[in-house]
Amino acid sequence: MKLIRYRQPSLRRIVGYTSVKRNFKRSLGISQVQAWTRPSRVKQRIKYKAGWYSPTMRVARNTAKGKFPSFLGLFNKKR
């Protein structure tokens, strides 16, 4: 454990507001609902349904970035 912190803790952290708020949200189940409705998660689900994470598309993306599949099935940079 460090004796000297890089930043001082905030007042909310000292009082314990953040942990109370987090535990309250977890007990209600709000955090699980929010996880599915965040814009980044919605975008990820759309990509998944469109096949963006399929093996074929992964090869296409990595090839487009200047990488190619080697004989071991790994992706290495072209030199």
C-alpha atoms as a PDB file:
ATOM      1  CA  MET A   1       0.000   0.000   0.000  1.00  0.00           C
ATOM      2  CA  LYS A   2       1.237   3.458  -0.889  1.00  0.00           C
ATOM      3  CA  LEU A   3       1.706   5.942   1.894  1.00  0.00           C
ATOM      4  CA  ILE A   4       1.478   8.995  -0.392  1.00  0.00           C
ATOM      5  CA  ARG A   5      -1.377   9.233  -2.874  1.00  0.00           C
ATOM      6  CA  TYR A   6      -0.975  10.894  -6.262  1.00  0.00           C
ATOM      7  CA  ARG A   7      -4.352  12.614  -5.863  1.00  0.00           C
ATOM      8  CA  GLN A   8      -6.340  13.484  -2.799  1.00  0.00           C
ATOM      9  CA  PRO A   9      -9.606  11.577  -2.458  1.00  0.00           C
ATOM     10  CA  SER A  10     -12.737  13.562  -3.183  1.00  0.00           C
ATOM     11  CA  LEU A  11     -15.218  14.536  -0.507  1.00  0.00           C
ATOM     12  CA  ARG A  12     -17.751  12.017  -1.865  1.00  0.00           C
ATOM     13  CA  ARG A  13     -15.143   9.268  -1.628  1.00  0.00           C
ATOM     14  CA  ILE A  14     -14.280  10.162   1.969  1.00  0.00           C
ATOM     15  CA  VAL A  15     -17.934  10.333   3.059  1.00  0.00           C
ATOM     16  CA  GLY A  16     -18.738   7.059   1.266  1.00  0.00           C
ATOM     17  CA  TYR A  17     -21.389   8.462  -1.074  1.00  0.00           C
ATOM     18  CA  THR A  18     -20.012   6.642  -4.115  1.00  0.00           C
ATOM     19  CA  SER A  19     -20.090   3.187  -2.529  1.00  0.00           C
ATOM     20  CA  VAL A  20     -23.593   3.744  -1.122  1.00  0.00           C
ATOM     21  CA  LYS A  21     -24.826   4.860  -4.535  1.00  0.00           C
ATOM     22  CA  ARG A  22     -23.184   1.844  -6.233  1.00  0.00           C
ATOM     23  CA  ASN A  23     -24.635  -0.642  -3.728  1.00  0.00           C
ATOM     24  CA  PHE A  24     -28.094   0.920  -4.074  1.00  0.00           C
ATOM     25  CA  LYS A  25     -28.010   0.616  -7.863  1.00  0.00           C
ATOM     26  CA  ARG A  26     -26.824  -2.982  -7.642  1.00  0.00           C
ATOM     27  CA  SER A  27     -29.583  -3.915  -5.219  1.00  0.00           C
ATOM     28  CA  LEU A  28     -32.254  -2.453  -7.515  1.00  0.00           C
ATOM     29  CA  GLY A  29     -30.740  -4.025 -10.636  1.00  0.00           C
ATOM     30  CA  ILE A  30     -30.464  -0.664 -12.371  1.00  0.00           C
ATOM     31  CA  SER A  31     -26.817  -1.173 -13.256  1.00  0.00           C
ATOM     32  CA  GLN A  32     -27.659  -4.274 -15.325  1.00  0.00           C
ATOM     33  CA  VAL A  33     -30.301  -2.374 -17.278  1.00  0.00           C
ATOM     34  CA  GLN A  34     -27.926   0.528 -17.853  1.00  0.00           C
ATOM     35  CA  ALA A  35     -25.225  -1.832 -19.101  1.00  0.00           C
ATOM     36  CA  TRP A  36     -27.495  -3.026 -21.924  1.00  0.00           C
ATOM     37  CA  THR A  37     -28.708   0.447 -22.876  1.00  0.00           C
ATOM     38  CA  ARG A  38     -25.382   2.275 -23.019  1.00  0.00           C
ATOM     39  CA  PRO A  39     -24.649   3.585 -26.524  1.00  0.00           C
ATOM     40  CA  SER A  40     -21.388   1.630 -26.779  1.00  0.00           C
ATOM     41  CA  ARG A  41     -23.139  -1.634 -25.841  1.00  0.00           C
ATOM     42  CA  VAL A  42     -25.985  -0.989 -28.291  1.00  0.00           C
ATOM     43  CA  LYS A  43     -23.421  -0.342 -31.026  1.00  0.00           C
ATOM     44  CA  GLN A  44     -21.604  -3.564 -30.135  1.00  0.00           C
ATOM     45  CA  ARG A  45     -24.830  -5.604 -30.333  1.00  0.00           C
ATOM     46  CA  ILE A  46     -25.633  -4.138 -33.772  1.00  0.00           C
ATOM     47  CA  LYS A  47     -22.158  -5.070 -35.009  1.00  0.00           C
ATOM     48  CA  TYR A  48     -22.522  -8.576 -33.582  1.00  0.00           C
ATOM     49  CA  LYS A  49     -25.848  -9.126 -35.353  1.00  0.00           C
ATOM     50  CA  ALA A  50     -24.376  -7.796 -38.595  1.00  0.00           C
ATOM     51  CA  GLY A  51     -21.580 -10.367 -38.422  1.00  0.00           C
ATOM     52  CA  TRP A  52     -18.767  -7.924 -37.671  1.00  0.00           C
ATOM     53  CA  TYR A  53     -17.147 -10.300 -35.169  1.00  0.00           C
ATOM     54  CA  SER A  54     -17.328 -13.413 -37.365  1.00  0.00           C
ATOM     55  CA  PRO A  55     -14.025 -15.138 -38.253  1.00  0.00           C
ATOM     56  CA  THR A  56     -14.349 -14.074 -41.907  1.00  0.00           C
ATOM     57  CA  MET A  57     -14.767 -10.415 -41.044  1.00  0.00           C
ATOM     58  CA  ARG A  58     -11.901 -10.554 -38.550  1.00  0.00           C
ATOM     59  CA  VAL A  59      -9.604 -11.821 -41.290  1.00  0.00           C
ATOM     60  CA  ALA A  60     -10.850  -9.095 -43.642  1.00  0.00           C
ATOM     61  CA  ARG A  61     -10.312  -6.353 -41.042  1.00  0.00           C
ATOM     62  CA  ASN A  62      -6.838  -7.540 -40.122  1.00  0.00           C
ATOM     63  CA  THR A  63      -5.849  -7.886 -43.775  1.00  0.00           C
ATOM     64  CA  ALA A  64      -7.083  -4.358 -44.478  1.00  0.00           C
ATOM     65  CA  LYS A  65      -4.887  -3.052 -41.653  1.00  0.00           C
ATOM     66  CA  GLY A  66      -1.746  -4.392 -43.297  1.00  0.00           C
ATOM     67  CA  LYS A  67      -1.720  -7.681 -41.457  1.00  0.00           C
ATOM     68  CA  PHE A  68      -2.076 -11.144 -42.921  1.00  0.00           C
ATOM     69  CA  PRO A  69      -2.756 -14.627 -41.515  1.00  0.00           C
ATOM     70  CA  SER A  70       0.429 -16.655 -41.155  1.00  0.00           C
ATOM     71  CA  PHE A  71       0.680 -20.430 -41.384  1.00  0.00           C
ATOM     72  CA  LEU A  72       0.178 -20.664 -37.607  1.00  0.00           C
ATOM     73  CA  GLY A  73      -3.136 -18.834 -37.836  1.00  0.00           C
ATOM     74  CA  LEU A  74      -1.669 -15.802 -36.105  1.00  0.00           C
ATOM     75  CA  PHE A  75      -1.740 -12.297 -37.473  1.00  0.00           C
ATOM     76  CA  ASN A  76       1.654 -10.732 -38.133  1.00  0.00           C
ATOM     77  CA  LYS A  77       2.574  -7.362 -39.595  1.00  0.00           C
ATOM     78  CA  LYS A  78       3.932  -7.235 -43.118  1.00  0.00           C
ATOM     79  CA  ARG A  79       7.498  -6.051 -43.325  1.00  0.00           C
END
